[in-house]
Protein backbone atom coordinates (compact mmCIF):
# COMPACT_ATOMS: atom_id res chain seq x y z
CA MET A 1 161.15 160.65 11.79
CA ALA A 2 161.30 163.35 14.48
CA VAL A 3 164.13 163.35 16.96
CA ILE A 4 163.00 164.05 20.50
CA ARG A 5 165.45 166.19 22.40
CA THR A 6 165.35 167.18 26.02
CA ILE A 7 167.29 169.77 27.92
CA HIS A 8 168.77 167.04 30.12
CA ASN A 9 171.42 164.59 29.03
CA GLN A 10 170.56 161.94 31.57
CA PRO A 11 167.44 159.81 31.98
CA PRO A 12 165.21 160.74 34.91
CA ASP A 13 165.94 159.25 38.31
CA ALA A 14 163.42 156.41 38.63
CA ASP A 15 163.31 156.59 42.44
CA THR A 16 160.38 158.14 44.30
CA LEU A 17 160.38 161.52 45.97
CA GLY A 18 160.91 159.78 49.31
CA GLY A 19 163.77 157.73 47.91
CA ARG A 20 165.53 160.78 46.50
CA LEU A 21 164.97 162.61 49.77
CA SER A 22 166.42 159.84 51.95
CA ARG A 23 169.35 159.14 49.60
CA THR A 24 170.33 162.78 49.52
CA ARG A 25 169.91 163.27 53.26
CA GLU A 26 172.05 160.22 54.01
CA ALA A 27 174.69 161.21 51.45
CA MET A 28 174.99 164.58 53.17
CA GLY A 29 175.28 162.91 56.57
CA LEU A 30 172.21 164.67 57.94
CA SER A 31 169.93 163.09 60.51
CA ILE A 32 166.17 162.97 60.11
CA GLY A 33 165.90 165.15 63.22
CA LEU A 34 168.18 167.83 61.81
CA VAL A 35 166.31 167.99 58.49
CA ALA A 36 163.02 168.12 60.40
CA ARG A 37 164.22 171.05 62.52
CA ARG A 38 165.50 172.93 59.49
CA VAL A 39 162.19 172.66 57.64
CA GLY A 40 160.02 173.10 60.75
CA VAL A 41 158.32 169.72 61.03
CA ALA A 42 158.43 166.73 63.36
CA PRO A 43 160.97 163.96 62.64
CA LYS A 44 158.07 161.55 62.12
CA THR A 45 156.87 163.76 59.25
CA VAL A 46 160.24 163.51 57.49
CA GLN A 47 160.15 159.72 57.99
CA GLU A 48 156.71 159.60 56.38
CA TRP A 49 158.00 161.64 53.44
CA GLU A 50 160.99 159.31 53.04
CA ASN A 51 158.72 156.26 53.21
CA ASP A 52 156.36 157.80 50.62
CA ARG A 53 153.45 157.73 53.06
CA SER A 54 152.88 161.45 52.61
CA GLU A 55 154.36 164.31 50.62
CA PRO A 56 155.53 167.72 51.74
CA GLY A 57 153.61 170.80 50.74
CA VAL A 58 155.03 173.32 48.28
CA ASP A 59 156.55 175.50 51.01
CA ARG A 60 158.29 172.55 52.65
CA LEU A 61 159.52 171.20 49.30
CA SER A 62 161.31 174.45 48.63
CA LEU A 63 162.88 174.38 52.10
CA LEU A 64 163.92 170.73 51.63
CA ALA A 65 165.60 171.49 48.34
CA GLY A 66 167.52 174.30 50.01
CA VAL A 67 168.52 172.26 53.07
CA LEU A 68 169.67 169.38 50.86
CA SER A 69 171.28 171.65 48.25
CA VAL A 70 169.43 170.02 45.38
CA ASN A 71 167.36 171.28 42.50
CA LEU A 72 163.65 171.31 43.33
CA VAL A 73 162.74 169.75 39.96
CA TRP A 74 165.17 166.87 40.57
CA LEU A 75 163.81 166.32 44.07
CA LEU A 76 160.21 166.25 42.81
CA HIS A 77 160.54 164.45 39.49
CA GLY A 78 164.08 163.08 39.26
CA VAL A 79 164.72 165.20 36.17
CA GLY A 80 167.91 167.15 35.83
CA ASP A 81 171.25 166.93 37.53
CA ALA A 82 171.33 164.74 40.60
CA PRO A 83 173.59 165.70 43.47
CA VAL A 84 177.09 164.36 43.01
CA ASP A 85 178.58 162.07 45.62
CA ASP A 86 181.78 164.01 46.15
CA ILE A 87 184.33 161.67 47.63
CA GLY A 88 187.23 163.85 46.64
CA PRO A 89 190.17 163.27 44.37
CA ASP A 90 191.39 160.19 46.26
CA PRO A 91 188.69 157.54 46.80
CA LEU A 92 191.06 155.45 48.93
CA LEU A 93 191.44 158.27 51.47
CA ALA A 94 187.69 158.91 51.52
CA ILE A 95 186.87 155.26 52.10
CA ALA A 96 189.60 154.94 54.73
CA ALA A 97 188.12 157.94 56.57
CA GLN A 98 184.66 156.36 56.45
CA HIS A 99 186.15 153.11 57.74
CA GLU A 100 187.79 154.93 60.67
CA LYS A 101 184.51 156.65 61.48
CA LEU A 102 182.70 153.31 61.49
CA LEU A 103 185.34 151.79 63.76
CA ARG A 104 184.90 154.65 66.25
CA MET A 105 181.13 154.25 66.11
CA HIS A 106 181.52 150.50 66.65
CA ALA A 107 183.70 151.07 69.72
CA GLU A 108 181.22 153.61 71.12
CA THR A 109 178.35 151.18 70.54
CA GLY A 110 180.26 148.46 72.38
CA GLN A 111 180.77 150.80 75.33
CA MET A 112 177.09 151.66 75.39
CA ILE A 113 176.16 147.97 75.34
CA GLU A 114 178.49 147.29 78.26
CA ARG A 115 176.96 150.16 80.28
CA LEU A 116 173.45 148.87 79.55
CA GLN A 117 174.43 145.34 80.58
CA ARG A 118 175.86 146.62 83.89
CA GLU A 119 172.73 148.67 84.53
CA LEU A 120 170.48 145.72 83.71
CA GLY A 121 172.48 143.55 86.11
CA ARG A 122 172.24 146.16 88.84
CA LEU A 123 168.49 146.53 88.37
CA ALA A 124 167.99 142.76 88.36
CA ASP A 125 170.01 142.46 91.60
CA GLU A 126 167.90 145.20 93.21
CA ARG A 127 164.72 143.44 92.20
CA LEU A 128 165.94 140.14 93.69
CA GLN A 129 166.86 141.83 96.96
CA SER A 130 163.44 143.46 97.42
């Protein structure tokens, strides 16, 4: 019986091109807008790629792989070494830092909601007075 060997030790990533693209982009902390600017397309185009509604052309695939620092073959087919989620030598510190970031974002969101509520109230008062 023949033994089938491959050059890769791991099974292929079963996700789609769009799934690998979005996972990698999010893991790197990049926005859709930033990736779109770096590869020269509209943000909606990147969203369509991530949702598997369309696929980038060869020139854009190469740019995407470079922007995301991944192997083009892995991005296309899920074969080879996937990017490593580098959380550093101390996972507790990394998670604590992420927690702090989320708390700051939560506070900022609360402030934005309060400003919107005040503005809505002001606009509603103006409408009632006219």
